Amino acid sequence: MKKVFTGYDPKNAANFLYNPDMGKVQEEALAYAKANKLTPGGADRKKIALLLIDVQRDFCHLEGTLYVGGRSGQGSIDDSRRIAEFIYKNVGVISQTISTLDTHFPWQIFFSSFFVNQKGEELKPHTLVDVMNENGREFLANLDLGGNVIAKDIAPNPKIAKDLKVNPAWLQNQCIHYCKELKNPASGRNKYTLYLWPLHCLIGSIGHTIVGVVDEARQFHAFARSAQPLVEIKGGNPLTENYSIVQPEVLSRFDSPSINLAERNVKFLQHLLDHDAVIIAGQASSHCVASSIDDILSEINAKDPSLAKKVYILSDCTSAVAVPDGKGNFVADFTPQAEAAFKRFSDAGMNLVKSTDPISSWPGLASL
């Protein structure tokens, strides 16, 4: 690839601590724009958005707390390199970049510290929480990934109830409601069991920040095209997951169906679909990418299903969660779920494309 930015080094995709020199980025971007007579992104005849989902250090580096290596073990590292190179190759075509940031606090419903067993011990990451029923009594149980019971009658950590200023019994009932809603077909969302993740993307931590090599590229684009690099935050509500940038997994309360825990991000969704084309990359294909695209597709289908063709998914710039067991296999492998989701998107009319192919070769974009 011909170098657009002289400071770009593909090896930095694997460097957890890489921190770009933004002064150099700005200087070279402005010079590049002048030399190539680039116009502001806002003046583009065809508005093209690049949506970068959760390209954060905790997901994209071996040192991260929830590294998305895919089956290859190099997944998100290679994805970050390809994303950066895609941006540099298409500085004059991409109108705007939009980055989502998975943003968390220590005490949230999908972290193992949120629940305790009957001994008061916190649960372990990479386990499940589900509702069980014995003799008409509903309760929460901790399961391993094979569905075997680790502990019955688990409960939300009492410390959390105090912090949230709610009654422990209310919180217990809400968690039962939450786990049931995750599997409710009427929700229109993918049905699954609550998964407890390692702590990740804690706001203020280095793992929360955008991968250096991608941040460098998106800022270069911002300076070269006079286009603000937008950022959308998600995931801060302690009582619901937020894989999708559009909405949380569960919105409802068990005791007040008319009062939502959180709201859909309608403003963001409208801004995204106002573009002539939306290109999507990021992590992970099995979770936040798939969930976000599912919600975008639902909105498209409600308006005009033919709009699906304006969405382009960079299939070589996203990887699935696959957690190695250290013995050559995986504790958890969500690759099949990612593959099924991408087939669903393709069948709906969205485009699965490669970052290495010219955008002008993609369906519907030959005029670029």
Protein backbone atom coordinates (compact mmCIF):
# COMPACT_ATOMS: atom_id res chain seq x y z
CA MET A 1 0.00 0.00 0.00
CA LYS A 2 1.30 3.45 -0.95
CA LYS A 3 1.90 5.40 2.26
CA VAL A 4 -0.56 8.22 2.82
CA PHE A 5 0.78 8.96 6.31
CA THR A 6 4.54 8.48 6.74
CA GLY A 7 4.14 7.65 10.42
CA TYR A 8 1.96 4.61 9.75
CA ASP A 9 3.56 1.34 10.82
CA PRO A 10 1.45 -1.85 10.52
CA LYS A 11 3.36 -3.35 13.47
CA ASN A 12 1.66 -0.82 15.74
CA ALA A 13 -1.58 -2.78 15.34
CA ALA A 14 -0.10 -5.21 17.87
CA ASN A 15 1.33 -2.54 20.19
CA PHE A 16 -0.97 -2.18 23.20
CA LEU A 17 0.74 1.04 24.33
CA TYR A 18 1.06 2.75 20.96
CA ASN A 19 0.14 6.42 21.31
CA PRO A 20 0.10 8.40 18.03
CA ASP A 21 1.79 11.78 17.67
CA MET A 22 -1.32 13.81 16.85
CA GLY A 23 0.71 16.89 15.95
CA LYS A 24 2.43 14.93 13.20
CA VAL A 25 -0.90 13.39 12.15
CA GLN A 26 -2.49 16.82 11.82
CA GLU A 27 0.46 18.32 9.95
CA GLU A 28 0.65 15.53 7.39
CA ALA A 29 -3.13 15.25 6.99
CA LEU A 30 -3.48 18.95 6.16
CA ALA A 31 -0.58 18.74 3.70
CA TYR A 32 -2.11 15.63 2.10
CA ALA A 33 -5.48 17.36 1.76
CA LYS A 34 -3.88 20.36 0.08
CA ALA A 35 -1.75 18.28 -2.29
CA ASN A 36 -4.71 16.13 -3.31
CA LYS A 37 -7.27 18.97 -3.38
CA LEU A 38 -9.54 17.18 -0.91
CA THR A 39 -12.85 18.85 -0.08
CA PRO A 40 -14.61 18.70 3.31
CA GLY A 41 -16.47 15.46 3.95
CA GLY A 42 -19.68 17.38 4.50
CA ALA A 43 -19.58 18.51 0.86
CA ASP A 44 -19.41 14.99 -0.59
CA ARG A 45 -21.98 14.26 -3.27
CA LYS A 46 -22.37 10.77 -1.85
CA LYS A 47 -22.16 10.71 1.93
CA ILE A 48 -20.33 7.62 3.14
CA ALA A 49 -20.04 6.79 6.84
CA LEU A 50 -17.50 4.40 8.32
CA LEU A 51 -18.93 2.92 11.53
CA LEU A 52 -16.19 1.50 13.75
CA ILE A 53 -17.73 -0.62 16.50
CA ASP A 54 -15.78 -0.99 19.75
CA VAL A 55 -12.26 -0.92 18.27
CA GLN A 56 -10.86 -0.65 21.80
CA ARG A 57 -7.66 -1.91 23.38
CA ASP A 58 -9.34 -4.38 25.74
CA PHE A 59 -10.82 -6.16 22.71
CA CYS A 60 -8.02 -5.70 20.19
CA HIS A 61 -4.79 -6.55 22.02
CA LEU A 62 -3.43 -9.66 23.70
CA GLU A 63 -2.90 -7.52 26.81
CA GLY A 64 -6.58 -6.55 26.81
CA THR A 65 -8.93 -8.08 29.36
CA LEU A 66 -11.31 -9.44 26.71
CA TYR A 67 -9.12 -9.98 23.66
CA VAL A 68 -11.06 -10.97 20.54
CA GLY A 69 -8.59 -13.30 18.86
CA GLY A 70 -11.06 -15.31 16.81
CA ARG A 71 -10.07 -18.87 16.01
CA SER A 72 -6.75 -17.74 14.51
CA GLY A 73 -5.62 -16.03 17.70
CA GLN A 74 -4.68 -12.93 15.71
CA GLY A 75 -8.20 -11.83 14.79
CA SER A 76 -8.69 -8.31 16.07
CA ILE A 77 -4.99 -7.39 15.72
CA ASP A 78 -5.15 -8.13 12.00
CA ASP A 79 -8.55 -6.41 11.83
CA SER A 80 -7.11 -3.20 13.31
CA ARG A 81 -4.30 -3.16 10.76
CA ARG A 82 -6.73 -3.65 7.88
CA ILE A 83 -9.11 -0.99 9.24
CA ALA A 84 -6.29 1.57 9.42
CA GLU A 85 -5.11 0.75 5.91
CA PHE A 86 -8.68 0.91 4.60
CA ILE A 87 -9.06 4.42 6.00
CA TYR A 88 -5.80 5.64 4.47
CA LYS A 89 -6.69 4.15 1.07
CA ASN A 90 -10.10 5.81 1.13
CA VAL A 91 -9.50 9.15 2.84
CA GLY A 92 -11.06 10.98 -0.10
CA VAL A 93 -14.11 8.70 -0.26
CA ILE A 94 -15.15 8.29 3.39
CA SER A 95 -17.19 11.33 4.45
CA GLN A 96 -17.16 10.70 8.20
CA THR A 97 -15.99 8.16 10.76
CA ILE A 98 -18.18 7.20 13.71
CA SER A 99 -16.67 5.17 16.55
CA THR A 100 -18.65 3.42 19.26
CA LEU A 101 -17.12 2.91 22.70
CA ASP A 102 -18.18 0.06 24.95
CA THR A 103 -18.17 1.89 28.28
CA HIS A 104 -18.48 0.17 31.63
CA PHE A 105 -18.29 0.54 35.40
CA PRO A 106 -17.14 -2.14 37.87
CA TRP A 107 -20.62 -3.18 39.01
CA GLN A 108 -22.84 -4.21 36.10
CA ILE A 109 -25.20 -7.13 35.52
CA PHE A 110 -22.88 -8.88 33.03
CA PHE A 111 -19.83 -8.85 35.32
CA SER A 112 -19.24 -11.74 37.72
CA SER A 113 -18.85 -9.35 40.67
CA PHE A 114 -22.54 -8.39 40.31
CA PHE A 115 -23.68 -11.76 41.74
CA VAL A 116 -22.76 -13.83 44.79
CA ASN A 117 -23.44 -17.43 45.81
CA GLN A 118 -24.96 -18.44 49.15
CA LYS A 119 -21.54 -18.15 50.80
CA GLY A 120 -21.30 -14.53 49.68
CA GLU A 121 -18.58 -15.33 47.14
CA GLU A 122 -18.52 -13.55 43.79
CA LEU A 123 -19.07 -15.70 40.71
CA LYS A 124 -16.46 -16.49 38.05
CA PRO A 125 -16.21 -14.95 34.57
CA HIS A 126 -17.13 -17.08 31.55
CA THR A 127 -20.07 -18.64 33.36
CA LEU A 128 -23.82 -18.17 32.94
CA VAL A 129 -26.75 -16.94 35.01
CA ASP A 130 -30.21 -18.32 34.32
CA VAL A 131 -33.62 -18.75 35.93
CA MET A 132 -34.54 -22.17 37.30
CA ASN A 133 -37.88 -23.42 38.57
CA GLU A 134 -38.28 -26.13 41.17
CA ASN A 135 -41.69 -26.97 42.63
CA GLY A 136 -43.07 -23.65 41.41
CA ARG A 137 -40.25 -21.62 42.95
CA GLU A 138 -38.19 -19.44 40.62
CA PHE A 139 -34.59 -18.66 41.49
CA LEU A 140 -31.31 -17.67 39.86
CA ALA A 141 -28.60 -20.24 39.24
CA ASN A 142 -24.99 -20.06 38.12
CA LEU A 143 -24.16 -22.48 35.29
CA ASP A 144 -21.03 -23.48 33.46
CA LEU A 145 -20.90 -23.08 29.68
CA GLY A 146 -22.16 -26.64 29.26
CA GLY A 147 -25.32 -25.80 31.19
CA ASN A 148 -24.31 -27.67 34.35
CA VAL A 149 -25.30 -26.09 37.66
CA ILE A 150 -22.44 -24.57 39.63
CA ALA A 151 -24.58 -22.95 42.33
CA LYS A 152 -28.29 -22.50 43.01
CA ASP A 153 -29.98 -19.55 44.69
CA ILE A 154 -27.41 -16.98 43.71
CA ALA A 155 -28.33 -13.35 44.24
CA PRO A 156 -27.27 -9.86 43.23
CA ASN A 157 -24.44 -8.62 45.43
CA PRO A 158 -26.10 -6.81 48.40
CA LYS A 159 -23.52 -4.01 48.07
CA ILE A 160 -24.98 -3.15 44.67
CA ALA A 161 -28.51 -2.78 45.99
CA LYS A 162 -27.24 -0.19 48.46
CA ASP A 163 -25.34 1.68 45.77
CA LEU A 164 -28.37 1.69 43.46
CA LYS A 165 -30.60 2.67 46.39
CA VAL A 166 -33.02 -0.17 45.73
CA ASN A 167 -34.42 -2.95 47.87
CA PRO A 168 -32.44 -6.24 47.53
CA ALA A 169 -35.70 -8.11 46.90
CA TRP A 170 -36.56 -5.68 44.06
CA LEU A 171 -33.11 -6.21 42.54
CA GLN A 172 -33.48 -10.00 42.78
CA ASN A 173 -36.85 -9.85 41.00
CA GLN A 174 -35.45 -7.52 38.35
CA CYS A 175 -32.58 -9.92 37.65
CA ILE A 176 -35.01 -12.82 37.29
CA HIS A 177 -37.12 -10.71 34.94
CA TYR A 178 -34.00 -9.73 33.01
CA CYS A 179 -32.82 -13.30 32.46
CA LYS A 180 -36.30 -14.34 31.32
CA GLU A 181 -36.56 -11.40 28.93
CA LEU A 182 -33.25 -12.34 27.31
CA LYS A 183 -34.99 -15.52 26.11
CA ASN A 184 -38.39 -13.99 25.38
CA PRO A 185 -39.26 -14.55 21.68
CA ALA A 186 -41.63 -11.57 21.82
CA SER A 187 -38.66 -9.24 22.31
CA GLY A 188 -37.68 -9.70 18.67
CA ARG A 189 -34.04 -10.03 19.72
CA ASN A 190 -31.68 -12.98 19.74
CA LYS A 191 -32.40 -15.33 22.63
CA TYR A 192 -29.50 -16.26 24.91
CA THR A 193 -28.50 -16.89 28.52
CA LEU A 194 -26.85 -14.11 30.55
CA TYR A 195 -23.08 -14.46 30.10
CA LEU A 196 -20.70 -13.16 32.77
CA TRP A 197 -17.68 -11.45 31.21
CA PRO A 198 -14.31 -10.46 32.66
CA LEU A 199 -14.05 -6.78 33.56
CA HIS A 200 -13.45 -4.83 30.37
CA CYS A 201 -13.60 -1.32 28.90
CA LEU A 202 -13.86 0.34 32.31
CA ILE A 203 -14.17 4.05 31.69
CA GLY A 204 -10.88 5.83 32.36
CA SER A 205 -8.77 2.70 31.84
CA ILE A 206 -6.35 2.27 28.95
CA GLY A 207 -8.43 -0.68 27.77
CA HIS A 208 -11.36 1.66 27.17
CA THR A 209 -9.48 3.74 24.60
CA ILE A 210 -9.47 3.30 20.83
CA VAL A 211 -6.61 1.19 19.46
CA GLY A 212 -3.70 3.52 18.68
CA VAL A 213 -3.20 2.55 15.04
CA VAL A 214 -6.92 3.02 14.28
CA ASP A 215 -7.19 6.25 16.27
CA GLU A 216 -4.25 7.58 14.27
CA ALA A 217 -6.00 6.76 10.99
CA ARG A 218 -9.40 8.16 11.95
CA GLN A 219 -7.83 11.40 13.19
CA PHE A 220 -5.80 11.67 9.96
CA HIS A 221 -9.08 11.38 8.07
CA ALA A 222 -10.71 13.99 10.33
CA PHE A 223 -7.99 16.56 9.64
CA ALA A 224 -7.72 15.75 5.93
CA ARG A 225 -11.48 15.95 5.30
CA SER A 226 -12.44 18.61 7.88
CA ALA A 227 -14.86 16.03 9.26
CA GLN A 228 -15.52 15.64 12.97
CA PRO A 229 -14.80 12.03 14.02
CA LEU A 230 -17.95 11.25 15.97
CA VAL A 231 -18.03 9.00 19.04
CA GLU A 232 -21.04 7.18 20.48
CA ILE A 233 -20.95 5.84 24.04
CA LYS A 234 -22.84 2.71 25.10
CA GLY A 235 -22.99 0.28 27.97
CA GLY A 236 -23.12 2.34 31.17
CA ASN A 237 -26.46 1.18 32.59
CA PRO A 238 -25.77 -1.21 35.50
CA LEU A 239 -28.95 -3.25 34.96
CA THR A 240 -28.75 -4.15 31.28
CA GLU A 241 -26.30 -5.25 28.62
CA ASN A 242 -25.75 -2.99 25.62
CA TYR A 243 -24.10 -5.00 22.87
CA SER A 244 -25.86 -2.87 20.25
CA ILE A 245 -25.18 0.82 19.77
CA VAL A 246 -28.90 1.23 19.05
CA GLN A 247 -30.46 -0.09 22.25
CA PRO A 248 -29.88 -2.22 25.37
CA GLU A 249 -30.73 -5.92 25.35
CA VAL A 250 -33.58 -5.44 27.84
CA LEU A 251 -35.45 -2.19 28.30
CA SER A 252 -38.24 -3.17 30.70
CA ARG A 253 -38.68 -3.30 34.47
CA PHE A 254 -40.58 -6.18 36.04
CA ASP A 255 -42.77 -3.86 38.13
CA SER A 256 -43.33 -0.98 35.71
CA PRO A 257 -43.69 -2.06 32.06
CA SER A 258 -44.33 1.53 31.02
CA ILE A 259 -41.05 2.78 32.55
CA ASN A 260 -37.92 1.82 30.63
CA LEU A 261 -34.51 1.18 32.14
CA ALA A 262 -33.02 2.96 29.13
CA GLU A 263 -34.01 4.26 25.68
CA ARG A 264 -33.25 3.42 22.06
CA ASN A 265 -30.63 5.63 20.43
CA VAL A 266 -33.02 6.97 17.80
CA LYS A 267 -30.99 10.11 17.02
CA PHE A 268 -27.86 8.12 16.22
CA LEU A 269 -29.78 5.64 14.09
CA GLN A 270 -31.32 8.40 12.02
CA HIS A 271 -27.95 10.12 11.53
CA LEU A 272 -26.43 6.86 10.36
CA LEU A 273 -29.18 6.07 7.86
CA ASP A 274 -29.09 9.60 6.45
CA HIS A 275 -25.85 8.57 4.70
CA ASP A 276 -25.88 7.14 1.18
CA ALA A 277 -23.70 4.25 2.31
CA VAL A 278 -22.72 2.87 5.71
CA ILE A 279 -19.54 0.78 6.03
CA ILE A 280 -19.24 -1.28 9.21
CA ALA A 281 -16.20 -2.83 10.92
CA GLY A 282 -15.08 -3.59 14.48
CA GLN A 283 -15.51 -6.02 17.34
CA ALA A 284 -16.84 -8.50 17.90
CA SER A 285 -18.63 -10.03 14.92
CA SER A 286 -20.41 -12.41 17.29
CA HIS A 287 -21.62 -9.78 19.74
CA CYS A 288 -21.57 -5.98 19.45
CA VAL A 289 -21.17 -5.90 15.66
CA ALA A 290 -23.89 -8.49 15.07
CA SER A 291 -26.26 -6.94 17.61
CA SER A 292 -25.79 -3.44 16.21
CA ILE A 293 -26.36 -4.57 12.63
CA ASP A 294 -29.44 -6.54 13.71
CA ASP A 295 -30.94 -3.36 15.15
CA ILE A 296 -29.97 -1.31 12.09
CA LEU A 297 -31.60 -3.96 9.89
CA SER A 298 -34.77 -3.92 11.99
CA GLU A 299 -35.03 -0.16 11.54
CA ILE A 300 -34.41 -0.50 7.80
CA ASN A 301 -37.06 -3.21 7.45
CA ALA A 302 -39.56 -1.02 9.28
CA LYS A 303 -38.90 1.86 6.87
CA ASP A 304 -37.93 0.34 3.53
CA PRO A 305 -36.24 -3.09 3.20
CA SER A 306 -34.51 -1.98 0.00
CA LEU A 307 -32.33 0.35 2.10
CA ALA A 308 -30.39 -2.72 3.28
CA LYS A 309 -28.31 -2.44 0.14
CA LYS A 310 -26.70 0.77 1.44
CA VAL A 311 -24.96 -1.20 4.24
CA TYR A 312 -21.50 -2.66 3.57
CA ILE A 313 -19.93 -4.98 6.15
CA LEU A 314 -16.13 -5.32 6.06
CA SER A 315 -16.00 -9.07 6.64
CA ASP A 316 -12.19 -9.04 6.94
CA CYS A 317 -12.22 -6.31 9.61
CA THR A 318 -14.15 -8.09 12.36
CA SER A 319 -13.67 -11.28 14.40
CA ALA A 320 -15.71 -13.50 16.69
CA VAL A 321 -15.18 -14.07 20.40
CA ALA A 322 -13.33 -17.37 20.88
CA VAL A 323 -11.88 -17.97 24.36
CA PRO A 324 -8.95 -20.46 24.35
CA ASP A 325 -8.81 -23.12 27.06
CA GLY A 326 -5.01 -23.36 26.92
CA LYS A 327 -5.20 -26.93 25.60
CA GLY A 328 -5.80 -26.22 21.93
CA ASN A 329 -9.56 -25.87 22.18
CA PHE A 330 -11.93 -23.13 23.30
CA VAL A 331 -13.81 -22.50 26.54
CA ALA A 332 -16.30 -20.58 24.41
CA ASP A 333 -16.41 -20.15 20.63
CA PHE A 334 -19.03 -17.84 19.13
CA THR A 335 -17.83 -18.20 15.52
CA PRO A 336 -20.94 -20.15 14.40
CA GLN A 337 -23.20 -17.40 15.79
CA ALA A 338 -21.22 -14.76 13.90
CA GLU A 339 -21.39 -16.74 10.66
CA ALA A 340 -25.15 -17.22 11.04
CA ALA A 341 -25.64 -13.50 11.70
CA PHE A 342 -23.63 -12.48 8.64
CA LYS A 343 -25.61 -14.89 6.45
CA ARG A 344 -28.79 -13.32 7.80
CA PHE A 345 -27.52 -9.84 6.92
CA SER A 346 -26.50 -10.93 3.43
CA ASP A 347 -29.85 -12.62 2.83
CA ALA A 348 -31.56 -9.36 3.83
CA GLY A 349 -29.69 -7.46 1.11
CA MET A 350 -26.69 -6.08 2.99
CA ASN A 351 -23.29 -6.37 1.31
CA LEU A 352 -20.42 -8.46 2.66
CA VAL A 353 -17.25 -6.92 1.24
CA LYS A 354 -13.46 -6.96 1.69
CA SER A 355 -11.44 -3.96 2.82
CA THR A 356 -8.74 -4.87 0.31
CA ASP A 357 -11.08 -4.46 -2.68
CA PRO A 358 -11.60 -0.97 -4.17
CA ILE A 359 -14.82 0.63 -2.92
CA SER A 360 -15.68 1.36 -6.57
CA SER A 361 -15.87 -2.42 -7.15
CA TRP A 362 -18.54 -2.86 -4.48
CA PRO A 363 -22.20 -3.25 -5.55
CA GLY A 364 -23.86 0.12 -6.12
CA LEU A 365 -20.70 2.21 -5.67
CA ALA A 366 -19.14 1.99 -9.13
CA SER A 367 -19.50 5.76 -9.65
CA LEU A 368 -17.03 6.57 -6.85
